[in-house]
Amino acid sequence: VIGVGVNERKKYMYSAEVRVKVIAE
């Protein structure tokens, strides 16, 4: 299981949705 971490205190270049989608594909 690849767990994509989401931390509201951290800024990301890509949203969680995009990160999950790219890896899942």
mmCIF file of all heavy atoms, coordinates in Angstrom:
data_MODEL
# 
_entry.id   MODEL 
# 
loop_
_atom_site.group_PDB 
_atom_site.id 
_atom_site.type_symbol 
_atom_site.label_atom_id 
_atom_site.label_alt_id 
_atom_site.label_comp_id 
_atom_site.label_asym_id 
_atom_site.label_entity_id 
_atom_site.label_seq_id 
_atom_site.pdbx_PDB_ins_code 
_atom_site.Cartn_x 
_atom_site.Cartn_y 
_atom_site.Cartn_z 
_atom_site.occupancy 
_atom_site.B_iso_or_equiv 
_atom_site.pdbx_formal_charge 
_atom_site.auth_seq_id 
_atom_site.auth_comp_id 
_atom_site.auth_asym_id 
_atom_site.auth_atom_id 
_atom_site.pdbx_PDB_model_num 
ATOM 1   N N   . VAL A 1 1  ? 0.858  -1.177 0.000   1.00 0.00 ? 1  VAL A N   1 
ATOM 2   C CA  . VAL A 1 1  ? 0.000  0.000  0.000   1.00 0.00 ? 1  VAL A CA  1 
ATOM 3   C C   . VAL A 1 1  ? 0.900  1.235  0.000   1.00 0.00 ? 1  VAL A C   1 
ATOM 4   O O   . VAL A 1 1  ? 1.726  1.402  0.906   1.00 0.00 ? 1  VAL A O   1 
ATOM 5   C CB  . VAL A 1 1  ? -0.936 0.038  1.224   1.00 0.00 ? 1  VAL A CB  1 
ATOM 6   C CG1 . VAL A 1 1  ? -1.742 1.346  1.239   1.00 0.00 ? 1  VAL A CG1 1 
ATOM 7   C CG2 . VAL A 1 1  ? -1.878 -1.157 1.213   1.00 0.00 ? 1  VAL A CG2 1 
ATOM 8   N N   . ILE A 1 2  ? 0.777  2.053  -1.028  1.00 0.00 ? 2  ILE A N   1 
ATOM 9   C CA  . ILE A 1 2  ? 1.525  3.309  -1.097  1.00 0.00 ? 2  ILE A CA  1 
ATOM 10  C C   . ILE A 1 2  ? 0.663  4.383  -0.459  1.00 0.00 ? 2  ILE A C   1 
ATOM 11  O O   . ILE A 1 2  ? -0.410 4.713  -0.963  1.00 0.00 ? 2  ILE A O   1 
ATOM 12  C CB  . ILE A 1 2  ? 1.876  3.668  -2.552  1.00 0.00 ? 2  ILE A CB  1 
ATOM 13  C CG1 . ILE A 1 2  ? 2.737  2.571  -3.173  1.00 0.00 ? 2  ILE A CG1 1 
ATOM 14  C CG2 . ILE A 1 2  ? 2.593  5.018  -2.612  1.00 0.00 ? 2  ILE A CG2 1 
ATOM 15  C CD1 . ILE A 1 2  ? 3.057  2.792  -4.643  1.00 0.00 ? 2  ILE A CD1 1 
ATOM 16  N N   . GLY A 1 3  ? 1.120  4.890  0.683   1.00 0.00 ? 3  GLY A N   1 
ATOM 17  C CA  . GLY A 1 3  ? 0.363  5.889  1.431   1.00 0.00 ? 3  GLY A CA  1 
ATOM 18  C C   . GLY A 1 3  ? 0.853  7.290  1.126   1.00 0.00 ? 3  GLY A C   1 
ATOM 19  O O   . GLY A 1 3  ? 1.986  7.636  1.459   1.00 0.00 ? 3  GLY A O   1 
ATOM 20  N N   . VAL A 1 4  ? 0.015  8.100  0.499   1.00 0.00 ? 4  VAL A N   1 
ATOM 21  C CA  . VAL A 1 4  ? 0.364  9.470  0.140   1.00 0.00 ? 4  VAL A CA  1 
ATOM 22  C C   . VAL A 1 4  ? -0.027 10.385 1.293   1.00 0.00 ? 4  VAL A C   1 
ATOM 23  O O   . VAL A 1 4  ? -1.219 10.586 1.562   1.00 0.00 ? 4  VAL A O   1 
ATOM 24  C CB  . VAL A 1 4  ? -0.343 9.898  -1.162  1.00 0.00 ? 4  VAL A CB  1 
ATOM 25  C CG1 . VAL A 1 4  ? 0.002  11.343 -1.509  1.00 0.00 ? 4  VAL A CG1 1 
ATOM 26  C CG2 . VAL A 1 4  ? 0.059  8.968  -2.307  1.00 0.00 ? 4  VAL A CG2 1 
ATOM 27  N N   . GLY A 1 5  ? 0.972  10.916 1.973   1.00 0.00 ? 5  GLY A N   1 
ATOM 28  C CA  . GLY A 1 5  ? 0.715  11.733 3.148   1.00 0.00 ? 5  GLY A CA  1 
ATOM 29  C C   . GLY A 1 5  ? 0.182  13.107 2.819   1.00 0.00 ? 5  GLY A C   1 
ATOM 30  O O   . GLY A 1 5  ? 0.619  13.753 1.861   1.00 0.00 ? 5  GLY A O   1 
ATOM 31  N N   . VAL A 1 6  ? -0.784 13.558 3.624   1.00 0.00 ? 6  VAL A N   1 
ATOM 32  C CA  . VAL A 1 6  ? -1.364 14.897 3.482   1.00 0.00 ? 6  VAL A CA  1 
ATOM 33  C C   . VAL A 1 6  ? -1.228 15.605 4.825   1.00 0.00 ? 6  VAL A C   1 
ATOM 34  O O   . VAL A 1 6  ? -1.829 15.194 5.812   1.00 0.00 ? 6  VAL A O   1 
ATOM 35  C CB  . VAL A 1 6  ? -2.848 14.832 3.071   1.00 0.00 ? 6  VAL A CB  1 
ATOM 36  C CG1 . VAL A 1 6  ? -3.417 16.239 2.924   1.00 0.00 ? 6  VAL A CG1 1 
ATOM 37  C CG2 . VAL A 1 6  ? -3.015 14.046 1.783   1.00 0.00 ? 6  VAL A CG2 1 
ATOM 38  N N   . ASN A 1 7  ? -0.412 16.650 4.843   1.00 0.00 ? 7  ASN A N   1 
ATOM 39  C CA  . ASN A 1 7  ? -0.174 17.426 6.063   1.00 0.00 ? 7  ASN A CA  1 
ATOM 40  C C   . ASN A 1 7  ? -0.612 18.858 5.802   1.00 0.00 ? 7  ASN A C   1 
ATOM 41  O O   . ASN A 1 7  ? -0.017 19.558 4.974   1.00 0.00 ? 7  ASN A O   1 
ATOM 42  C CB  . ASN A 1 7  ? 1.309  17.378 6.428   1.00 0.00 ? 7  ASN A CB  1 
ATOM 43  C CG  . ASN A 1 7  ? 1.612  18.045 7.767   1.00 0.00 ? 7  ASN A CG  1 
ATOM 44  O OD1 . ASN A 1 7  ? 0.820  18.849 8.260   1.00 0.00 ? 7  ASN A OD1 1 
ATOM 45  N ND2 . ASN A 1 7  ? 2.759  17.728 8.338   1.00 0.00 ? 7  ASN A ND2 1 
ATOM 46  N N   . GLU A 1 8  ? -1.653 19.297 6.497   1.00 0.00 ? 8  GLU A N   1 
ATOM 47  C CA  . GLU A 1 8  ? -2.205 20.631 6.240   1.00 0.00 ? 8  GLU A CA  1 
ATOM 48  C C   . GLU A 1 8  ? -1.222 21.749 6.592   1.00 0.00 ? 8  GLU A C   1 
ATOM 49  O O   . GLU A 1 8  ? -1.391 22.890 6.145   1.00 0.00 ? 8  GLU A O   1 
ATOM 50  C CB  . GLU A 1 8  ? -3.509 20.822 7.019   1.00 0.00 ? 8  GLU A CB  1 
ATOM 51  C CG  . GLU A 1 8  ? -3.359 20.717 8.526   1.00 0.00 ? 8  GLU A CG  1 
ATOM 52  C CD  . GLU A 1 8  ? -4.686 20.795 9.253   1.00 0.00 ? 8  GLU A CD  1 
ATOM 53  O OE1 . GLU A 1 8  ? -5.727 20.564 8.613   1.00 0.00 ? 8  GLU A OE1 1 
ATOM 54  O OE2 . GLU A 1 8  ? -4.680 21.086 10.467  1.00 0.00 ? 8  GLU A OE2 1 
ATOM 55  N N   . ARG A 1 9  ? -0.191 21.432 7.345   1.00 0.00 ? 9  ARG A N   1 
ATOM 56  C CA  . ARG A 1 9  ? 0.812  22.446 7.688   1.00 0.00 ? 9  ARG A CA  1 
ATOM 57  C C   . ARG A 1 9  ? 1.932  22.539 6.649   1.00 0.00 ? 9  ARG A C   1 
ATOM 58  O O   . ARG A 1 9  ? 2.824  23.355 6.771   1.00 0.00 ? 9  ARG A O   1 
ATOM 59  C CB  . ARG A 1 9  ? 1.420  22.132 9.061   1.00 0.00 ? 9  ARG A CB  1 
ATOM 60  C CG  . ARG A 1 9  ? 0.429  22.212 10.220  1.00 0.00 ? 9  ARG A CG  1 
ATOM 61  C CD  . ARG A 1 9  ? 1.035  21.723 11.505  1.00 0.00 ? 9  ARG A CD  1 
ATOM 62  N NE  . ARG A 1 9  ? 1.394  20.310 11.425  1.00 0.00 ? 9  ARG A NE  1 
ATOM 63  C CZ  . ARG A 1 9  ? 1.996  19.634 12.392  1.00 0.00 ? 9  ARG A CZ  1 
ATOM 64  N NH1 . ARG A 1 9  ? 2.317  20.247 13.528  1.00 0.00 ? 9  ARG A NH1 1 
ATOM 65  N NH2 . ARG A 1 9  ? 2.274  18.347 12.237  1.00 0.00 ? 9  ARG A NH2 1 
ATOM 66  N N   . LYS A 1 10 ? 1.858  21.690 5.637   1.00 0.00 ? 10 LYS A N   1 
ATOM 67  C CA  . LYS A 1 10 ? 2.916  21.636 4.636   1.00 0.00 ? 10 LYS A CA  1 
ATOM 68  C C   . LYS A 1 10 ? 2.384  22.070 3.275   1.00 0.00 ? 10 LYS A C   1 
ATOM 69  O O   . LYS A 1 10 ? 1.257  21.759 2.911   1.00 0.00 ? 10 LYS A O   1 
ATOM 70  C CB  . LYS A 1 10 ? 3.458  20.199 4.556   1.00 0.00 ? 10 LYS A CB  1 
ATOM 71  C CG  . LYS A 1 10 ? 4.651  20.007 3.661   1.00 0.00 ? 10 LYS A CG  1 
ATOM 72  C CD  . LYS A 1 10 ? 5.147  18.557 3.750   1.00 0.00 ? 10 LYS A CD  1 
ATOM 73  C CE  . LYS A 1 10 ? 6.345  18.318 2.852   1.00 0.00 ? 10 LYS A CE  1 
ATOM 74  N NZ  . LYS A 1 10 ? 6.834  16.912 2.945   1.00 0.00 ? 10 LYS A NZ  1 
ATOM 75  N N   . LYS A 1 11 ? 3.212  22.789 2.517   1.00 0.00 ? 11 LYS A N   1 
ATOM 76  C CA  . LYS A 1 11 ? 2.823  23.212 1.179   1.00 0.00 ? 11 LYS A CA  1 
ATOM 77  C C   . LYS A 1 11 ? 3.345  22.193 0.165   1.00 0.00 ? 11 LYS A C   1 
ATOM 78  O O   . LYS A 1 11 ? 4.487  21.741 0.261   1.00 0.00 ? 11 LYS A O   1 
ATOM 79  C CB  . LYS A 1 11 ? 3.389  24.600 0.866   1.00 0.00 ? 11 LYS A CB  1 
ATOM 80  C CG  . LYS A 1 11 ? 2.801  25.715 1.708   1.00 0.00 ? 11 LYS A CG  1 
ATOM 81  C CD  . LYS A 1 11 ? 3.297  27.071 1.258   1.00 0.00 ? 11 LYS A CD  1 
ATOM 82  C CE  . LYS A 1 11 ? 2.783  27.415 -0.125  1.00 0.00 ? 11 LYS A CE  1 
ATOM 83  N NZ  . LYS A 1 11 ? 3.163  28.792 -0.529  1.00 0.00 ? 11 LYS A NZ  1 
ATOM 84  N N   . TYR A 1 12 ? 2.503  21.861 -0.815  1.00 0.00 ? 12 TYR A N   1 
ATOM 85  C CA  . TYR A 1 12 ? 2.869  20.876 -1.817  1.00 0.00 ? 12 TYR A CA  1 
ATOM 86  C C   . TYR A 1 12 ? 2.841  21.507 -3.208  1.00 0.00 ? 12 TYR A C   1 
ATOM 87  O O   . TYR A 1 12 ? 2.072  22.447 -3.459  1.00 0.00 ? 12 TYR A O   1 
ATOM 88  C CB  . TYR A 1 12 ? 1.890  19.691 -1.790  1.00 0.00 ? 12 TYR A CB  1 
ATOM 89  C CG  . TYR A 1 12 ? 1.875  18.932 -0.485  1.00 0.00 ? 12 TYR A CG  1 
ATOM 90  C CD1 . TYR A 1 12 ? 0.887  19.172 0.475   1.00 0.00 ? 12 TYR A CD1 1 
ATOM 91  C CD2 . TYR A 1 12 ? 2.848  17.977 -0.207  1.00 0.00 ? 12 TYR A CD2 1 
ATOM 92  C CE1 . TYR A 1 12 ? 0.873  18.467 1.674   1.00 0.00 ? 12 TYR A CE1 1 
ATOM 93  C CE2 . TYR A 1 12 ? 2.830  17.270 0.988   1.00 0.00 ? 12 TYR A CE2 1 
ATOM 94  C CZ  . TYR A 1 12 ? 1.854  17.522 1.922   1.00 0.00 ? 12 TYR A CZ  1 
ATOM 95  O OH  . TYR A 1 12 ? 1.842  16.829 3.106   1.00 0.00 ? 12 TYR A OH  1 
ATOM 96  N N   . MET A 1 13 ? 3.654  20.952 -4.098  1.00 0.00 ? 13 MET A N   1 
ATOM 97  C CA  . MET A 1 13 ? 3.602  21.383 -5.490  1.00 0.00 ? 13 MET A CA  1 
ATOM 98  C C   . MET A 1 13 ? 2.363  20.798 -6.173  1.00 0.00 ? 13 MET A C   1 
ATOM 99  O O   . MET A 1 13 ? 1.722  21.457 -6.974  1.00 0.00 ? 13 MET A O   1 
ATOM 100 C CB  . MET A 1 13 ? 4.874  20.951 -6.238  1.00 0.00 ? 13 MET A CB  1 
ATOM 101 C CG  . MET A 1 13 ? 4.836  21.260 -7.732  1.00 0.00 ? 13 MET A CG  1 
ATOM 102 S SD  . MET A 1 13 ? 6.420  20.986 -8.585  1.00 0.00 ? 13 MET A SD  1 
ATOM 103 C CE  . MET A 1 13 ? 7.281  22.500 -8.116  1.00 0.00 ? 13 MET A CE  1 
ATOM 104 N N   . TYR A 1 14 ? 2.055  19.533 -5.833  1.00 0.00 ? 14 TYR A N   1 
ATOM 105 C CA  . TYR A 1 14 ? 0.908  18.854 -6.433  1.00 0.00 ? 14 TYR A CA  1 
ATOM 106 C C   . TYR A 1 14 ? -0.096 18.486 -5.343  1.00 0.00 ? 14 TYR A C   1 
ATOM 107 O O   . TYR A 1 14 ? 0.287  18.101 -4.234  1.00 0.00 ? 14 TYR A O   1 
ATOM 108 C CB  . TYR A 1 14 ? 1.355  17.591 -7.174  1.00 0.00 ? 14 TYR A CB  1 
ATOM 109 C CG  . TYR A 1 14 ? 2.327  17.862 -8.299  1.00 0.00 ? 14 TYR A CG  1 
ATOM 110 C CD1 . TYR A 1 14 ? 3.685  17.609 -8.129  1.00 0.00 ? 14 TYR A CD1 1 
ATOM 111 C CD2 . TYR A 1 14 ? 1.888  18.391 -9.507  1.00 0.00 ? 14 TYR A CD2 1 
ATOM 112 C CE1 . TYR A 1 14 ? 4.582  17.877 -9.153  1.00 0.00 ? 14 TYR A CE1 1 
ATOM 113 C CE2 . TYR A 1 14 ? 2.779  18.656 -10.534 1.00 0.00 ? 14 TYR A CE2 1 
ATOM 114 C CZ  . TYR A 1 14 ? 4.128  18.400 -10.352 1.00 0.00 ? 14 TYR A CZ  1 
ATOM 115 O OH  . TYR A 1 14 ? 5.017  18.665 -11.361 1.00 0.00 ? 14 TYR A OH  1 
ATOM 116 N N   . SER A 1 15 ? -1.364 18.574 -5.687  1.00 0.00 ? 15 SER A N   1 
ATOM 117 C CA  . SER A 1 15 ? -2.408 18.226 -4.721  1.00 0.00 ? 15 SER A CA  1 
ATOM 118 C C   . SER A 1 15 ? -2.380 16.731 -4.420  1.00 0.00 ? 15 SER A C   1 
ATOM 119 O O   . SER A 1 15 ? -1.807 15.940 -5.176  1.00 0.00 ? 15 SER A O   1 
ATOM 120 C CB  . SER A 1 15 ? -3.787 18.610 -5.276  1.00 0.00 ? 15 SER A CB  1 
ATOM 121 O OG  . SER A 1 15 ? -4.119 17.778 -6.381  1.00 0.00 ? 15 SER A OG  1 
ATOM 122 N N   . ALA A 1 16 ? -3.021 16.354 -3.335  1.00 0.00 ? 16 ALA A N   1 
ATOM 123 C CA  . ALA A 1 16 ? -3.090 14.940 -2.980  1.00 0.00 ? 16 ALA A CA  1 
ATOM 124 C C   . ALA A 1 16 ? -3.788 14.145 -4.076  1.00 0.00 ? 16 ALA A C   1 
ATOM 125 O O   . ALA A 1 16 ? -3.390 13.019 -4.394  1.00 0.00 ? 16 ALA A O   1 
ATOM 126 C CB  . ALA A 1 16 ? -3.823 14.768 -1.651  1.00 0.00 ? 16 ALA A CB  1 
ATOM 127 N N   . GLU A 1 17 ? -4.842 14.730 -4.653  1.00 0.00 ? 17 GLU A N   1 
ATOM 128 C CA  . GLU A 1 17 ? -5.571 14.044 -5.715  1.00 0.00 ? 17 GLU A CA  1 
ATOM 129 C C   . GLU A 1 17 ? -4.665 13.733 -6.903  1.00 0.00 ? 17 GLU A C   1 
ATOM 130 O O   . GLU A 1 17 ? -4.701 12.624 -7.456  1.00 0.00 ? 17 GLU A O   1 
ATOM 131 C CB  . GLU A 1 17 ? -6.760 14.890 -6.188  1.00 0.00 ? 17 GLU A CB  1 
ATOM 132 C CG  . GLU A 1 17 ? -7.905 14.987 -5.201  1.00 0.00 ? 17 GLU A CG  1 
ATOM 133 C CD  . GLU A 1 17 ? -7.694 16.077 -4.155  1.00 0.00 ? 17 GLU A CD  1 
ATOM 134 O OE1 . GLU A 1 17 ? -6.599 16.716 -4.169  1.00 0.00 ? 17 GLU A OE1 1 
ATOM 135 O OE2 . GLU A 1 17 ? -8.602 16.301 -3.340  1.00 0.00 ? 17 GLU A OE2 1 
ATOM 136 N N   . VAL A 1 18 ? -3.841 14.706 -7.284  1.00 0.00 ? 18 VAL A N   1 
ATOM 137 C CA  . VAL A 1 18 ? -2.936 14.508 -8.420  1.00 0.00 ? 18 VAL A CA  1 
ATOM 138 C C   . VAL A 1 18 ? -1.876 13.471 -8.084  1.00 0.00 ? 18 VAL A C   1 
ATOM 139 O O   . VAL A 1 18 ? -1.573 12.578 -8.892  1.00 0.00 ? 18 VAL A O   1 
ATOM 140 C CB  . VAL A 1 18 ? -2.272 15.843 -8.818  1.00 0.00 ? 18 VAL A CB  1 
ATOM 141 C CG1 . VAL A 1 18 ? -1.137 15.602 -9.822  1.00 0.00 ? 18 VAL A CG1 1 
ATOM 142 C CG2 . VAL A 1 18 ? -3.300 16.796 -9.411  1.00 0.00 ? 18 VAL A CG2 1 
ATOM 143 N N   . ARG A 1 19 ? -1.308 13.546 -6.895  1.00 0.00 ? 19 ARG A N   1 
ATOM 144 C CA  . ARG A 1 19 ? -0.257 12.600 -6.507  1.00 0.00 ? 19 ARG A CA  1 
ATOM 145 C C   . ARG A 1 19 ? -0.789 11.159 -6.488  1.00 0.00 ? 19 ARG A C   1 
ATOM 146 O O   . ARG A 1 19 ? -0.138 10.238 -6.983  1.00 0.00 ? 19 ARG A O   1 
ATOM 147 C CB  . ARG A 1 19 ? 0.320  12.980 -5.144  1.00 0.00 ? 19 ARG A CB  1 
ATOM 148 C CG  . ARG A 1 19 ? 1.247  14.203 -5.197  1.00 0.00 ? 19 ARG A CG  1 
ATOM 149 C CD  . ARG A 1 19 ? 1.744  14.587 -3.822  1.00 0.00 ? 19 ARG A CD  1 
ATOM 150 N NE  . ARG A 1 19 ? 0.769  15.332 -3.070  1.00 0.00 ? 19 ARG A NE  1 
ATOM 151 C CZ  . ARG A 1 19 ? 0.650  15.303 -1.750  1.00 0.00 ? 19 ARG A CZ  1 
ATOM 152 N NH1 . ARG A 1 19 ? 1.426  14.512 -1.023  1.00 0.00 ? 19 ARG A NH1 1 
ATOM 153 N NH2 . ARG A 1 19 ? -0.257 16.040 -1.134  1.00 0.00 ? 19 ARG A NH2 1 
ATOM 154 N N   . VAL A 1 20 ? -1.966 10.980 -5.910  1.00 0.00 ? 20 VAL A N   1 
ATOM 155 C CA  . VAL A 1 20 ? -2.565 9.639  -5.862  1.00 0.00 ? 20 VAL A CA  1 
ATOM 156 C C   . VAL A 1 20 ? -2.867 9.151  -7.274  1.00 0.00 ? 20 VAL A C   1 
ATOM 157 O O   . VAL A 1 20 ? -2.584 7.991  -7.619  1.00 0.00 ? 20 VAL A O   1 
ATOM 158 C CB  . VAL A 1 20 ? -3.855 9.649  -5.012  1.00 0.00 ? 20 VAL A CB  1 
ATOM 159 C CG1 . VAL A 1 20 ? -4.633 8.355  -5.200  1.00 0.00 ? 20 VAL A CG1 1 
ATOM 160 C CG2 . VAL A 1 20 ? -3.504 9.833  -3.539  1.00 0.00 ? 20 VAL A CG2 1 
ATOM 161 N N   . LYS A 1 21 ? -3.427 10.009 -8.105  1.00 0.00 ? 21 LYS A N   1 
ATOM 162 C CA  . LYS A 1 21 ? -3.810 9.620  -9.466  1.00 0.00 ? 21 LYS A CA  1 
ATOM 163 C C   . LYS A 1 21 ? -2.593 9.185  -10.279 1.00 0.00 ? 21 LYS A C   1 
ATOM 164 O O   . LYS A 1 21 ? -2.629 8.158  -10.967 1.00 0.00 ? 21 LYS A O   1 
ATOM 165 C CB  . LYS A 1 21 ? -4.517 10.785 -10.153 1.00 0.00 ? 21 LYS A CB  1 
ATOM 166 C CG  . LYS A 1 21 ? -5.000 10.494 -11.576 1.00 0.00 ? 21 LYS A CG  1 
ATOM 167 C CD  . LYS A 1 21 ? -5.786 11.682 -12.121 1.00 0.00 ? 21 LYS A CD  1 
ATOM 168 C CE  . LYS A 1 21 ? -6.342 11.375 -13.518 1.00 0.00 ? 21 LYS A CE  1 
ATOM 169 N NZ  . LYS A 1 21 ? -5.277 11.261 -14.535 1.00 0.00 ? 21 LYS A NZ  1 
ATOM 170 N N   . VAL A 1 22 ? -1.514 9.951  -10.204 1.00 0.00 ? 22 VAL A N   1 
ATOM 171 C CA  . VAL A 1 22 ? -0.305 9.643  -10.986 1.00 0.00 ? 22 VAL A CA  1 
ATOM 172 C C   . VAL A 1 22 ? 0.274  8.291  -10.567 1.00 0.00 ? 22 VAL A C   1 
ATOM 173 O O   . VAL A 1 22 ? 0.638  7.460  -11.408 1.00 0.00 ? 22 VAL A O   1 
ATOM 174 C CB  . VAL A 1 22 ? 0.743  10.753 -10.815 1.00 0.00 ? 22 VAL A CB  1 
ATOM 175 C CG1 . VAL A 1 22 ? 2.091  10.313 -11.377 1.00 0.00 ? 22 VAL A CG1 1 
ATOM 176 C CG2 . VAL A 1 22 ? 0.288  12.031 -11.513 1.00 0.00 ? 22 VAL A CG2 1 
ATOM 177 N N   . ILE A 1 23 ? 0.356  8.050  -9.253  1.00 0.00 ? 23 ILE A N   1 
ATOM 178 C CA  . ILE A 1 23 ? 0.930  6.786  -8.775  1.00 0.00 ? 23 ILE A CA  1 
ATOM 179 C C   . ILE A 1 23 ? 0.010  5.614  -9.105  1.00 0.00 ? 23 ILE A C   1 
ATOM 180 O O   . ILE A 1 23 ? 0.461  4.540  -9.510  1.00 0.00 ? 23 ILE A O   1 
ATOM 181 C CB  . ILE A 1 23 ? 1.194  6.853  -7.261  1.00 0.00 ? 23 ILE A CB  1 
ATOM 182 C CG1 . ILE A 1 23 ? 2.136  8.006  -6.935  1.00 0.00 ? 23 ILE A CG1 1 
ATOM 183 C CG2 . ILE A 1 23 ? 1.801  5.537  -6.762  1.00 0.00 ? 23 ILE A CG2 1 
ATOM 184 C CD1 . ILE A 1 23 ? 2.285  8.286  -5.442  1.00 0.00 ? 23 ILE A CD1 1 
ATOM 185 N N   . ALA A 1 24 ? -1.296 5.813  -8.923  1.00 0.00 ? 24 ALA A N   1 
ATOM 186 C CA  . ALA A 1 24 ? -2.251 4.744  -9.214  1.00 0.00 ? 24 ALA A CA  1 
ATOM 187 C C   . ALA A 1 24 ? -2.205 4.354  -10.692 1.00 0.00 ? 24 ALA A C   1 
ATOM 188 O O   . ALA A 1 24 ? -2.295 3.165  -11.029 1.00 0.00 ? 24 ALA A O   1 
ATOM 189 C CB  . ALA A 1 24 ? -3.664 5.181  -8.828  1.00 0.00 ? 24 ALA A CB  1 
ATOM 190 N N   . GLU A 1 25 ? -2.057 5.322  -11.565 1.00 0.00 ? 25 GLU A N   1 
ATOM 191 C CA  . GLU A 1 25 ? -1.955 5.026  -13.002 1.00 0.00 ? 25 GLU A CA  1 
ATOM 192 C C   . GLU A 1 25 ? -0.690 4.240  -13.303 1.00 0.00 ? 25 GLU A C   1 
ATOM 193 O O   . GLU A 1 25 ? -0.693 3.357  -14.169 1.00 0.00 ? 25 GLU A O   1 
ATOM 194 C CB  . GLU A 1 25 ? -1.980 6.322  -13.806 1.00 0.00 ? 25 GLU A CB  1 
ATOM 195 C CG  . GLU A 1 25 ? -3.350 6.994  -13.854 1.00 0.00 ? 25 GLU A CG  1 
ATOM 196 C CD  . GLU A 1 25 ? -3.327 8.298  -14.638 1.00 0.00 ? 25 GLU A CD  1 
ATOM 197 O OE1 . GLU A 1 25 ? -2.217 8.774  -14.984 1.00 0.00 ? 25 GLU A OE1 1 
ATOM 198 O OE2 . GLU A 1 25 ? -4.418 8.839  -14.908 1.00 0.00 ? 25 GLU A OE2 1 
# 
